[in-house]
Protein backbone atom coordinates (compact mmCIF):
# COMPACT_ATOMS: atom_id res chain seq x y z
CA MET A 1 -31.03 91.07 -55.15
CA SER A 2 -27.39 91.74 -56.03
CA LYS A 3 -25.70 90.30 -59.09
CA PRO A 4 -23.37 87.39 -58.23
CA GLY A 5 -19.64 87.82 -58.79
CA ILE A 6 -17.61 86.03 -61.43
CA VAL A 7 -15.84 82.96 -60.04
CA SER A 8 -12.76 81.19 -61.48
CA GLU A 9 -11.05 78.08 -60.12
CA TYR A 10 -7.39 77.01 -60.48
CA TYR A 11 -5.45 73.94 -59.33
CA PHE A 12 -1.70 74.00 -58.74
CA SER A 13 -1.70 70.55 -57.09
CA ASP A 14 -4.03 67.57 -56.79
CA HIS A 15 -5.39 68.63 -53.41
CA TYR A 16 -5.31 72.44 -53.11
CA ARG A 17 -7.24 74.94 -55.18
CA VAL A 18 -7.37 78.67 -55.70
CA ILE A 19 -10.69 80.41 -56.24
CA VAL A 20 -10.86 83.95 -57.63
CA VAL A 21 -14.06 85.92 -57.05
CA GLU A 22 -14.62 89.19 -58.89
CA GLU A 23 -16.88 91.54 -56.94
CA GLY A 24 -17.14 94.94 -58.63
CA ASP A 25 -13.73 96.61 -58.45
CA SER A 26 -12.34 94.08 -55.96
CA TYR A 27 -11.03 90.55 -56.35
CA ILE A 28 -10.82 87.93 -53.63
CA VAL A 29 -8.26 85.19 -54.19
CA SER A 30 -8.99 82.28 -51.84
CA VAL A 31 -6.14 79.78 -51.47
CA ASP A 32 -6.68 76.36 -49.89
CA VAL A 33 -3.77 75.48 -47.60
CA TYR A 34 -3.34 73.07 -44.73
CA ARG A 35 -1.12 73.06 -41.69
CA SER A 36 -1.83 71.15 -38.49
CA LYS A 37 -0.95 74.11 -36.29
CA TRP A 38 -1.59 77.84 -35.97
CA ILE A 39 1.52 80.04 -35.85
CA PHE A 40 -0.08 83.50 -35.52
CA THR A 41 -0.57 85.83 -32.57
CA ASP A 42 -2.99 88.73 -32.11
CA TYR A 43 -5.84 87.06 -33.98
CA THR A 44 -9.62 87.00 -33.65
CA GLU A 45 -11.26 83.85 -32.33
CA LYS A 46 -15.01 83.17 -32.63
CA CYS A 47 -16.26 80.02 -30.91
CA VAL A 48 -19.40 77.92 -30.78
CA GLU A 49 -19.04 75.39 -28.00
CA ASN A 50 -15.65 73.66 -28.53
CA THR A 51 -15.18 74.72 -32.19
CA CYS A 52 -13.52 78.05 -33.01
CA LEU A 53 -12.84 80.00 -36.19
CA LEU A 54 -9.45 81.77 -36.12
CA LEU A 55 -8.85 84.91 -38.21
CA LYS A 56 -5.57 86.78 -38.63
CA GLU A 57 -5.56 89.87 -40.84
CA LEU A 58 -2.40 91.28 -42.42
CA SER A 59 -2.21 94.70 -44.04
CA PRO A 60 0.76 94.85 -46.38
CA GLU A 61 2.56 98.18 -46.50
CA PRO A 62 3.12 99.80 -49.91
CA GLY A 63 6.19 98.23 -51.50
CA ASP A 64 6.20 95.38 -48.93
CA ASN A 65 6.82 92.30 -51.06
CA ARG A 66 7.72 89.81 -48.33
CA TYR A 67 4.82 87.68 -49.45
CA VAL A 68 4.30 88.60 -53.09
CA ASP A 69 5.33 91.45 -55.38
CA LEU A 70 1.83 92.66 -56.17
CA ASP A 71 0.97 96.30 -55.41
CA SER A 72 -2.76 95.65 -55.71
CA VAL A 73 -2.95 93.62 -52.46
CA SER A 74 -5.05 95.53 -49.92
CA LYS A 75 -5.53 92.82 -47.29
CA ILE A 76 -4.51 89.25 -46.42
CA ILE A 77 -6.69 87.11 -44.14
CA ILE A 78 -5.47 83.80 -42.73
CA ILE A 79 -8.20 81.43 -41.56
CA GLY A 80 -7.87 78.53 -39.17
CA VAL A 81 -10.00 76.32 -36.98
CA LYS A 82 -9.61 75.06 -33.44
CA VAL A 83 -11.51 72.06 -32.12
CA ASP A 84 -10.80 71.46 -28.43
CA ASP A 85 -6.98 71.94 -28.30
CA ASN A 86 -6.27 71.02 -31.93
CA TYR A 87 -5.33 73.94 -34.22
CA GLU A 88 -5.31 73.88 -38.03
CA THR A 89 -4.60 76.53 -40.68
CA ILE A 90 -6.87 76.02 -43.68
CA ASN A 91 -7.11 79.08 -45.94
CA VAL A 92 -5.45 82.34 -47.01
CA LYS A 93 -7.60 85.02 -48.62
CA TRP A 94 -6.10 87.91 -50.60
CA VAL A 95 -8.16 91.03 -51.30
CA LEU A 96 -6.94 92.77 -54.45
CA ARG A 97 -7.71 96.12 -56.07
CA LYS A 98 -7.17 94.87 -59.63
CA LYS A 99 -7.73 91.70 -61.61
CA PRO A 100 -4.90 89.18 -61.09
CA THR A 101 -3.17 87.51 -64.03
CA TYR A 102 -2.53 83.76 -64.07
CA SER A 103 1.05 84.50 -62.99
CA ASP A 104 -0.24 86.64 -60.09
CA ILE A 105 -2.55 83.82 -58.99
CA GLU A 106 0.30 81.32 -59.02
CA SER A 107 2.46 83.77 -57.00
CA LEU A 108 -0.35 84.19 -54.46
CA TYR A 109 -0.65 80.40 -54.17
CA GLU A 110 3.09 80.09 -53.43
CA ALA A 111 3.07 83.07 -51.06
CA SER A 112 0.13 81.61 -49.11
CA TRP A 113 2.21 78.57 -48.23
CA ARG A 114 5.14 80.78 -47.17
CA ILE A 115 2.84 82.86 -44.93
CA ILE A 116 1.81 79.75 -42.98
CA GLY A 117 5.42 78.57 -42.73
CA CYS A 118 5.34 75.83 -45.37
CA HIS A 119 6.49 75.22 -48.92
CA ARG A 120 3.77 74.27 -51.44
CA GLY A 121 1.95 71.80 -49.24
CA ASP A 122 5.05 70.45 -47.49
CA CYS A 123 4.63 71.11 -43.77
């Protein structure tokens, strides 16, 4: 049995949270977001009957700070759901190579909203 990671939880609003999971040398920062549409192309879709999970992976280039100025970002995964013809964006996950500071976590929260085309919960 593997040892569970260390989990921290942060709130930057009343409704959306950020969870940081430490797994060995990697950190996953999971940001709750919500948008009642899906704006991405070239994504993976996995369906069970009429419900689908949507996954879009971004690989930031070194020095690419369009989303956040954090060199330790190795991957960004946007997660959505589709039920029938209704699309929703619900989460942005950041995979980091080093432990984020509180300021980094707040920057990732803000950047997650920008990635989905919103501003801090205002879509």
